[in-house]
Protein backbone atom coordinates (compact mmCIF):
# COMPACT_ATOMS: atom_id res chain seq x y z
CA MET A 1 -15.24 -3.20 44.02
CA THR A 2 -18.87 -3.57 43.39
CA LEU A 3 -21.25 -6.73 44.97
CA GLU A 4 -21.56 -7.67 40.92
CA ARG A 5 -17.62 -8.17 40.83
CA GLU A 6 -17.11 -9.78 44.37
CA LEU A 7 -19.24 -12.83 43.15
CA LEU A 8 -17.89 -13.27 40.02
CA HIS A 9 -16.10 -16.84 40.03
CA PRO A 10 -12.62 -16.58 39.99
CA ARG A 11 -12.47 -18.14 36.29
CA ASP A 12 -14.89 -15.50 35.09
CA GLU A 13 -12.95 -12.66 36.56
CA ILE A 14 -9.93 -13.81 35.18
CA MET A 15 -11.32 -14.34 32.05
CA GLN A 16 -12.80 -10.85 31.65
CA THR A 17 -10.17 -8.95 33.13
CA MET A 18 -7.48 -10.53 30.08
CA ASP A 19 -10.65 -9.90 27.70
CA ARG A 20 -10.78 -6.52 28.63
CA ILE A 21 -6.86 -5.72 28.66
CA TYR A 22 -6.52 -7.65 25.45
CA ARG A 23 -8.78 -5.16 23.60
CA TYR A 24 -7.53 -1.85 25.11
CA ARG A 25 -3.90 -3.69 23.41
CA MET A 26 -2.49 -3.63 26.92
CA THR A 27 -1.16 -7.17 26.03
CA THR A 28 -0.37 -9.55 22.99
CA THR A 29 -1.98 -12.81 22.54
CA SER A 30 0.87 -14.90 24.11
CA GLY A 31 1.94 -12.00 26.86
CA GLY A 32 1.02 -11.56 30.23
CA ASN A 33 -0.85 -13.24 33.07
CA LEU A 34 -3.37 -12.80 35.78
CA SER A 35 -4.08 -14.93 39.31
CA ILE A 36 -6.34 -14.42 41.92
CA ARG A 37 -5.30 -15.82 45.72
CA GLU A 38 -8.61 -17.11 47.65
CA ASP A 39 -8.53 -17.21 51.59
CA SER A 40 -7.69 -21.24 51.20
CA GLY A 41 -4.52 -20.54 49.80
CA ASP A 42 -6.02 -21.66 46.34
CA ILE A 43 -4.32 -19.71 43.36
CA TRP A 44 -6.23 -19.27 40.15
CA ILE A 45 -4.39 -17.87 37.19
CA SER A 46 -4.09 -18.05 33.44
CA PRO A 47 -2.43 -20.78 31.86
CA ALA A 48 0.56 -20.80 29.87
CA ARG A 49 0.65 -21.15 25.93
CA VAL A 50 -3.23 -20.34 25.03
CA ASP A 51 -4.43 -17.48 23.18
CA LYS A 52 -5.23 -14.14 25.61
CA GLY A 53 -7.40 -12.89 22.77
CA ASN A 54 -9.73 -16.01 22.92
CA LEU A 55 -9.48 -17.32 26.55
CA THR A 56 -12.12 -18.74 28.15
CA ARG A 57 -13.27 -20.06 31.67
CA ALA A 58 -12.23 -23.43 31.19
CA ASP A 59 -8.76 -22.42 30.35
CA VAL A 60 -8.50 -21.10 33.47
CA VAL A 61 -5.56 -23.25 36.06
CA CYS A 62 -6.25 -23.86 40.00
CA LEU A 63 -3.25 -24.76 41.94
CA HIS A 64 -4.71 -25.37 45.36
CA ALA A 65 -2.93 -25.38 48.31
CA ASP A 66 -2.22 -29.12 49.12
CA GLY A 67 -0.19 -28.70 45.83
CA VAL A 68 -3.11 -30.18 43.33
CA VAL A 69 -3.11 -28.48 39.79
CA GLU A 70 -6.81 -28.36 38.63
CA GLY A 71 -7.04 -27.64 34.70
CA LEU A 72 -6.89 -28.09 31.11
CA HIS A 73 -3.59 -26.51 30.33
CA PRO A 74 -0.11 -26.03 32.51
CA PRO A 75 -0.05 -22.76 34.36
CA SER A 76 1.49 -19.51 33.39
CA SER A 77 5.27 -20.14 33.29
CA GLU A 78 5.60 -16.56 35.64
CA PHE A 79 3.39 -18.72 38.17
CA PRO A 80 7.11 -18.34 40.71
CA PHE A 81 6.58 -14.77 41.03
CA HIS A 82 3.11 -14.73 41.62
CA LYS A 83 3.73 -16.91 44.39
CA ALA A 84 6.46 -15.29 45.83
CA ILE A 85 4.33 -11.97 45.72
CA TYR A 86 1.75 -13.39 47.35
CA ALA A 87 4.20 -14.98 50.38
CA ALA A 88 5.68 -11.67 50.61
CA ARG A 89 2.41 -9.49 50.70
CA PRO A 90 -0.34 -11.34 52.21
CA ASP A 91 -2.74 -8.36 51.60
CA ILE A 92 -2.67 -8.90 48.26
CA ARG A 93 -4.85 -10.91 46.57
CA ALA A 94 -4.84 -10.44 42.87
CA ILE A 95 -1.85 -9.72 40.63
CA VAL A 96 -1.33 -8.24 37.02
CA HIS A 97 1.69 -8.89 34.56
CA ALA A 98 1.69 -7.64 31.20
CA HIS A 99 3.66 -6.04 28.62
CA PRO A 100 1.82 -2.46 27.50
CA ILE A 101 3.86 -0.43 25.39
CA ALA A 102 4.50 2.52 27.59
CA LEU A 103 5.51 0.99 30.67
CA VAL A 104 7.62 -1.40 28.61
CA ALA A 105 9.37 1.31 27.52
CA PHE A 106 10.06 2.73 30.74
CA SER A 107 11.31 -0.89 31.56
CA ILE A 108 13.84 -0.66 28.75
CA CYS A 109 15.07 2.93 29.99
CA ARG A 110 15.53 1.42 33.45
CA GLN A 111 12.79 4.27 34.58
CA THR A 112 9.56 4.33 36.61
CA PRO A 113 6.99 6.91 35.76
CA ASN A 114 6.15 9.68 38.22
CA THR A 115 2.41 9.22 38.59
CA ARG A 116 2.50 13.30 40.19
CA LEU A 117 1.19 13.73 36.75
CA PHE A 118 -2.67 14.12 37.87
CA HIS A 119 -3.89 13.42 41.76
CA GLN A 120 -5.81 10.79 40.18
CA ALA A 121 -2.99 8.61 38.82
CA HIS A 122 -0.89 8.98 42.07
CA SER A 123 -4.10 8.08 44.04
CA VAL A 124 -4.89 5.06 42.31
CA CYS A 125 -1.36 3.60 40.96
CA GLY A 126 -0.13 3.76 45.01
CA GLN A 127 4.02 3.32 45.50
CA ILE A 128 5.78 2.54 42.56
CA GLY A 129 9.13 0.13 42.57
CA PHE A 130 11.26 -1.15 40.33
CA ALA A 131 13.02 -4.81 39.89
CA GLN A 132 16.28 -5.72 38.62
CA TYR A 133 16.21 -8.03 35.55
CA ALA A 134 16.09 -12.34 35.69
CA CYS A 135 15.05 -14.52 33.31
CA PRO A 136 11.56 -15.36 33.06
CA GLY A 137 9.79 -18.02 34.95
CA SER A 138 13.04 -17.85 37.26
CA GLU A 139 12.87 -18.19 41.03
CA GLN A 140 15.41 -15.26 40.75
CA LEU A 141 12.86 -13.19 39.15
CA GLY A 142 10.28 -14.10 41.44
CA SER A 143 12.76 -12.83 44.48
CA ASN A 144 13.74 -10.01 42.49
CA ILE A 145 9.88 -8.84 42.22
CA ALA A 146 8.65 -9.99 45.76
CA ALA A 147 11.65 -8.26 47.52
CA THR A 148 10.36 -4.77 45.81
CA PHE A 149 6.87 -5.76 46.83
CA ALA A 150 8.11 -6.21 50.19
CA GLU A 151 9.19 -2.59 50.43
CA GLY A 152 5.71 -1.67 50.17
CA CYS A 153 5.44 -0.99 46.42
CA ASP A 154 1.69 -1.67 44.65
CA SER A 155 3.41 -1.35 40.87
CA VAL A 156 6.92 -2.83 40.10
CA ILE A 157 8.65 -2.29 36.55
CA LEU A 158 10.40 -4.97 35.69
CA GLU A 159 13.53 -4.38 33.59
CA ASN A 160 13.53 -5.14 30.46
CA HIS A 161 10.26 -7.12 31.14
CA GLY A 162 7.38 -5.06 31.73
CA VAL A 163 4.99 -4.64 34.75
CA VAL A 164 3.70 -6.19 37.77
CA VAL A 165 0.74 -4.85 39.76
CA GLY A 166 -1.02 -6.03 43.06
CA GLY A 167 -4.44 -5.52 44.65
CA GLN A 168 -6.75 -6.80 47.15
CA SER A 169 -8.76 -7.62 44.32
CA LEU A 170 -8.29 -8.41 40.79
CA ALA A 171 -10.41 -5.47 40.14
CA GLN A 172 -8.28 -2.85 42.35
CA ALA A 173 -4.91 -4.37 40.49
CA PHE A 174 -6.30 -3.91 36.90
CA GLN A 175 -7.27 -0.38 37.94
CA ARG A 176 -3.67 0.54 38.77
CA PHE A 177 -2.22 -1.55 35.90
CA GLU A 178 -4.31 0.85 33.46
CA ALA A 179 -3.86 3.84 35.23
CA LEU A 180 -0.28 3.44 35.52
CA GLU A 181 -0.10 2.36 31.42
CA PHE A 182 -2.20 5.96 30.80
CA ALA A 183 0.21 7.89 33.48
CA GLY A 184 3.13 6.32 31.55
CA LYS A 185 1.66 7.07 27.78
CA THR A 186 1.04 10.44 29.03
CA LEU A 187 4.61 11.24 30.34
CA ILE A 188 5.94 9.89 26.88
CA LYS A 189 3.68 12.46 24.90
CA ALA A 190 4.38 15.27 27.25
CA ARG A 191 7.76 15.04 26.98
CA GLN A 192 7.49 15.59 23.27
CA LEU A 193 6.17 18.66 24.31
CA GLY A 194 8.52 20.38 26.52
CA SER A 195 9.09 20.08 30.51
CA VAL A 196 6.57 18.17 32.42
CA ASN A 197 5.06 19.85 35.72
CA PHE A 198 4.16 17.64 38.41
CA LEU A 199 2.05 18.04 41.42
CA ASP A 200 3.81 19.00 45.03
CA ASP A 201 2.54 17.32 48.06
CA LEU A 202 0.27 20.56 48.89
CA GLN A 203 -1.53 20.32 45.27
CA LEU A 204 -2.39 16.67 45.62
CA GLN A 205 -3.46 17.14 49.19
CA LEU A 206 -6.00 20.39 47.51
CA ALA A 207 -7.32 17.65 45.38
CA ALA A 208 -7.71 14.78 48.07
CA ASP A 209 -9.48 17.29 50.35
CA ARG A 210 -12.45 17.77 48.14
CA SER A 211 -15.75 17.13 49.83
CA ILE A 212 -19.05 16.70 48.30
CA ASP A 213 -21.52 17.94 50.93
CA PHE A 214 -24.81 16.71 49.29
CA GLU A 215 -27.77 15.50 51.18
CA SER A 216 -29.61 12.53 50.14
CA PHE A 217 -32.99 12.28 48.73
CA GLU A 218 -35.44 9.79 47.21
CA PRO A 219 -36.00 10.87 43.83
CA GLY A 220 -39.20 9.25 43.12
CA ILE A 221 -40.10 7.71 39.49
CA ALA A 222 -37.70 8.71 36.86
CA THR A 223 -39.14 10.50 33.67
CA ALA A 224 -39.13 9.67 30.14
CA ALA A 225 -36.61 12.28 29.72
CA GLU A 226 -34.21 10.86 32.88
CA ARG A 227 -34.40 7.55 31.54
CA GLU A 228 -33.32 8.63 27.93
CA LEU A 229 -30.65 10.51 29.77
CA ARG A 230 -29.11 7.63 31.82
CA ARG A 231 -29.35 5.43 28.63
CA GLN A 232 -27.21 8.35 26.74
CA LEU A 233 -24.77 8.31 29.56
CA CYS A 234 -23.92 4.80 30.11
CA GLU A 235 -23.59 4.46 26.33
CA PHE A 236 -21.04 6.99 25.77
CA VAL A 237 -19.32 6.38 29.15
CA ARG A 238 -19.04 3.01 27.87
CA ARG A 239 -17.50 4.38 24.22
CA GLY A 240 -15.03 6.22 25.74
CA CYS A 241 -13.68 4.00 27.67
CA ARG A 242 -13.24 1.45 24.58
CA GLN A 243 -11.93 4.67 22.61
CA ARG A 244 -9.70 5.30 25.75
CA LEU A 245 -10.77 8.53 26.41
CA LEU A 246 -11.71 7.56 29.48
CA ILE A 247 -10.28 4.73 31.79
CA SER A 248 -12.21 3.03 34.72
CA THR A 249 -10.80 5.16 37.31
CA GLU A 250 -10.42 8.56 36.02
CA GLY A 251 -13.01 11.21 34.18
CA SER A 252 -16.55 12.57 34.98
CA PHE A 253 -19.63 12.92 32.57
CA SER A 254 -22.92 14.55 33.06
CA ALA A 255 -26.09 15.71 31.78
CA ARG A 256 -28.41 18.65 32.75
CA LEU A 257 -32.08 17.25 33.35
CA ASP A 258 -33.55 20.41 34.00
CA ASP A 259 -32.86 23.81 35.47
CA GLY A 260 -32.27 22.34 39.10
CA SER A 261 -31.00 18.97 38.67
CA PHE A 262 -28.48 16.97 36.24
CA LEU A 263 -27.43 13.01 36.30
CA ILE A 264 -23.71 12.55 36.81
CA THR A 265 -21.25 9.15 36.90
CA PRO A 266 -20.72 8.15 40.17
CA THR A 267 -17.38 8.17 42.47
CA ARG A 268 -15.69 4.70 43.13
CA HIS A 269 -17.12 2.75 40.63
CA ASP A 270 -15.73 1.09 37.13
CA ARG A 271 -16.83 3.77 34.11
CA GLU A 272 -17.03 0.69 31.45
CA ARG A 273 -19.39 -1.31 33.75
CA LEU A 274 -21.92 1.72 34.46
CA GLN A 275 -25.27 0.48 34.31
CA LEU A 276 -28.64 2.77 34.49
CA ASP A 277 -28.87 2.97 37.99
CA ASP A 278 -25.70 3.48 38.67
CA LEU A 279 -25.79 7.21 37.60
CA VAL A 280 -26.68 9.62 40.17
CA LEU A 281 -29.24 12.31 40.13
CA VAL A 282 -28.06 15.67 41.86
CA ARG A 283 -30.67 18.36 42.54
CA GLY A 284 -29.86 21.76 44.05
CA ASN A 285 -28.08 20.47 46.78
CA GLN A 286 -29.06 16.99 46.96
CA ARG A 287 -27.80 13.76 45.36
CA GLU A 288 -29.89 10.38 45.10
CA ALA A 289 -30.11 8.36 48.12
CA GLY A 290 -27.88 5.69 48.46
CA LYS A 291 -25.11 6.67 45.83
CA LEU A 292 -22.42 8.78 45.71
CA ALA A 293 -21.76 11.13 42.86
CA SER A 294 -18.80 11.75 41.40
CA ARG A 295 -16.03 14.04 43.52
CA ALA A 296 -16.11 16.64 40.67
CA ALA A 297 -20.15 16.95 40.80
CA LYS A 298 -19.77 20.44 42.52
CA ALA A 299 -17.64 22.05 39.40
CA HIS A 300 -20.46 20.42 37.17
CA GLN A 301 -23.24 21.98 39.09
CA ALA A 302 -21.47 25.43 38.72
CA ILE A 303 -21.32 25.15 34.99
CA TYR A 304 -24.80 24.20 34.85
CA ASN A 305 -25.73 27.03 37.13
CA GLN A 306 -23.98 29.68 35.34
CA GLN A 307 -23.78 28.28 31.49
CA PRO A 308 -27.60 27.81 31.07
CA GLU A 309 -26.78 27.22 27.22
CA VAL A 310 -24.75 24.14 28.81
CA GLN A 311 -26.61 20.72 28.53
CA ALA A 312 -23.73 18.14 29.32
CA ILE A 313 -20.10 18.08 30.86
CA VAL A 314 -17.10 15.76 30.24
CA PHE A 315 -14.03 15.75 32.70
CA ALA A 316 -11.54 13.37 31.07
CA HIS A 317 -7.96 12.44 30.92
CA PRO A 318 -7.01 11.40 27.47
CA VAL A 319 -3.21 10.95 26.68
CA ASN A 320 -2.20 13.21 24.23
CA ALA A 321 -4.84 16.32 25.44
CA THR A 322 -3.71 15.85 29.03
CA ALA A 323 0.24 15.98 27.70
CA PHE A 324 -0.60 19.38 27.18
CA SER A 325 -2.05 19.91 30.43
CA VAL A 326 0.99 18.47 32.12
CA THR A 327 3.37 21.22 30.22
CA ASP A 328 2.97 24.69 29.23
CA ALA A 329 2.74 23.93 25.62
CA GLU A 330 -0.37 25.69 24.25
CA LEU A 331 -2.81 23.39 22.56
CA ASP A 332 -3.57 25.62 19.01
CA VAL A 333 -6.46 23.84 17.43
CA ARG A 334 -6.19 26.07 14.71
CA THR A 335 -4.98 22.99 12.75
CA ILE A 336 -7.84 21.91 10.31
CA PRO A 337 -11.57 23.62 9.94
CA GLU A 338 -12.93 20.85 11.62
CA SER A 339 -11.15 21.59 14.89
CA TYR A 340 -11.84 25.16 15.13
CA VAL A 341 -15.55 24.72 14.03
CA PHE A 342 -16.11 22.26 17.23
CA LEU A 343 -13.39 23.95 20.01
CA ARG A 344 -12.69 27.46 19.19
CA ASP A 345 -9.82 28.21 20.93
CA VAL A 346 -9.36 25.96 24.02
CA ARG A 347 -8.66 28.31 27.37
CA ARG A 348 -6.07 26.80 29.91
CA ALA A 349 -7.48 26.74 33.58
CA PRO A 350 -5.09 27.16 36.52
CA TYR A 351 -4.29 24.08 38.32
CA GLY A 352 -7.11 23.54 40.90
CA VAL A 353 -9.76 26.00 40.01
CA GLN A 354 -12.01 22.81 39.55
CA TYR A 355 -11.89 21.94 43.56
CA ARG A 356 -13.05 25.17 44.57
CA ASP A 357 -16.59 25.73 45.96
CA ASP A 358 -16.14 29.63 44.46
CA GLY A 359 -17.94 28.53 41.02
CA GLN A 360 -14.70 30.00 39.34
CA ILE A 361 -14.44 26.75 36.83
CA ALA A 362 -17.58 28.22 35.07
CA GLY A 363 -15.54 31.29 34.16
CA CYS A 364 -13.23 28.93 32.23
CA ILE A 365 -15.81 28.16 29.51
CA SER A 366 -18.27 30.20 27.27
CA PRO A 367 -20.22 29.54 24.08
CA ALA A 368 -17.30 30.55 22.31
CA THR A 369 -14.90 28.51 24.33
CA PRO A 370 -16.68 24.94 24.97
CA ALA A 371 -13.28 23.19 25.87
CA ALA A 372 -10.62 23.89 28.21
CA VAL A 373 -7.40 22.39 29.50
CA LEU A 374 -7.05 22.16 32.95
CA GLU A 375 -3.50 22.16 34.18
CA ASN A 376 -2.37 18.66 35.77
CA ASP A 377 -5.98 17.40 35.42
CA GLY A 378 -6.70 16.47 31.89
CA VAL A 379 -9.49 18.21 30.03
CA MET A 380 -12.93 19.93 30.50
CA VAL A 381 -15.29 20.07 27.53
CA THR A 382 -19.36 20.99 27.34
CA GLY A 383 -21.86 20.37 24.54
CA ARG A 384 -25.48 21.37 23.45
CA SER A 385 -26.24 17.35 24.14
CA VAL A 386 -24.16 14.38 25.38
CA LEU A 387 -23.58 13.54 22.06
CA ASP A 388 -22.18 17.12 21.09
CA ALA A 389 -19.98 17.01 24.37
CA PHE A 390 -18.80 13.23 23.53
CA ASP A 391 -17.98 14.39 19.96
CA ARG A 392 -15.96 17.72 21.22
CA LEU A 393 -13.57 15.47 23.40
CA GLU A 394 -13.42 13.38 20.20
CA VAL A 395 -12.21 16.22 18.17
CA LEU A 396 -9.95 17.33 20.98
CA GLU A 397 -7.87 14.49 21.73
CA SER A 398 -7.64 13.68 18.13
CA THR A 399 -6.29 17.46 17.55
CA ALA A 400 -4.06 16.91 20.42
CA GLU A 401 -2.57 13.61 18.78
CA ALA A 402 -2.32 15.54 15.24
CA VAL A 403 -0.43 18.25 16.81
CA ILE A 404 1.98 16.14 18.87
CA ASN A 405 2.54 13.90 15.46
CA ALA A 406 2.96 17.20 13.71
CA ARG A 407 5.73 18.18 15.88
CA ALA A 408 7.68 15.35 14.96
CA LEU A 409 7.72 16.14 10.99
CA GLY A 410 8.00 19.89 11.24
CA ASP A 411 7.27 23.44 11.70
CA ILE A 412 3.24 23.61 12.35
CA SER A 413 1.12 25.87 10.07
CA THR A 414 -1.97 26.70 11.47
CA MET A 415 -4.59 28.46 9.96
CA PRO A 416 -4.17 32.33 9.29
CA ASP A 417 -7.02 34.77 10.98
CA GLY A 418 -8.63 35.45 7.52
CA VAL A 419 -9.05 31.50 7.15
CA ILE A 420 -10.76 31.58 10.88
CA GLU A 421 -13.00 34.89 10.34
CA GLU A 422 -14.26 33.35 6.97
CA LEU A 423 -15.18 29.83 9.18
CA CYS A 424 -16.81 32.10 11.78
CA ALA A 425 -18.82 33.80 9.09
CA THR A 426 -19.73 30.28 7.15
CA PHE A 427 -20.53 28.34 10.40
CA GLN A 428 -22.34 31.37 12.21
CA LEU A 429 -20.10 31.47 15.03
CA PRO A 430 -19.33 33.97 17.60
CA PRO A 431 -16.05 36.03 16.43
CA PRO A 432 -12.96 35.04 18.31
CA GLY A 433 -12.57 36.59 21.87
């Protein structure tokens, strides 16, 4: 959690987080509630019967430890279960409750998402639990949910209801909530493609054990070129979050500054809230002092070192493309001309190649194959500029979604070799390998 988030008043933090959840279509006008518990025992909570898409800071209610209620509205009708969770888990300081579509689907099937789809989801979401149904707003519902949290769960699916997520801060609770919904969406899409491949303990540990052995250096005054790249990266990372191609805890984006250096997103930083100074300059075996580069920085560096035409790289987990990464289904992009011209034939990289120090990740892409599906870790997309890489990421995700949707309609008709040859000649593309 950054200093900026720590300094926000609970009213503002609840208001801003609810706005984000609503914008991402993870709640409805009337659904969901957020709360924050302070050291004093005071609990700040979103109000009952107020438009979640137009919440103001004045709408947020405070229930003081002495029983006094401060606010323009009554507190959320779900306050009883917030209070019960805080009593059962003193370490929890904030709660998110909502009815996002994918997790509601799990709740009405009495299932919980298996977050071993990819390491980041498993790491962020924590232990997942399930609470039996009880009437909304009832003391019994509070007892059911609190009992599940007391078992050590951090995220709890509510039978025929939705989800409740806790965290040591509202930022952490939101990140868990967002990552769990993303995992749920990916699972639903993946099951339309076939059997889902989950990671075992050793595979998860392989990702967790990645090390970034960069020394620090003071970069001095930024050039105009560096400042422009910082602006572009921040702009497109934020756009990626809003387009749901990236989420706050997943994905890395970089751009080459010169032959020996590049800018990259930091680790442990909310992607949508990135500012110019948050990006990390990496030069050789050094990184900008006082900052932590993305844990994928070594993989980015290997690609830049071996692929001189690459000027920007994105690692991401967009739902539909990631569904292909967690199954054995092939993502054939020979669907429409735009998809093939932008993406060519998308390769599949074996699990863990991006975590190694041997540079093998760079061999998974080339000028003729600028994108790859990473087994159980989303996708990797490269480009001749920040815009080019982002455009390809959008096309890749749109193509993956179209292919999944098409499978529900009937047999897929891909473009024949003659059409591919014509496209290569027309757009001066290297012939398919």
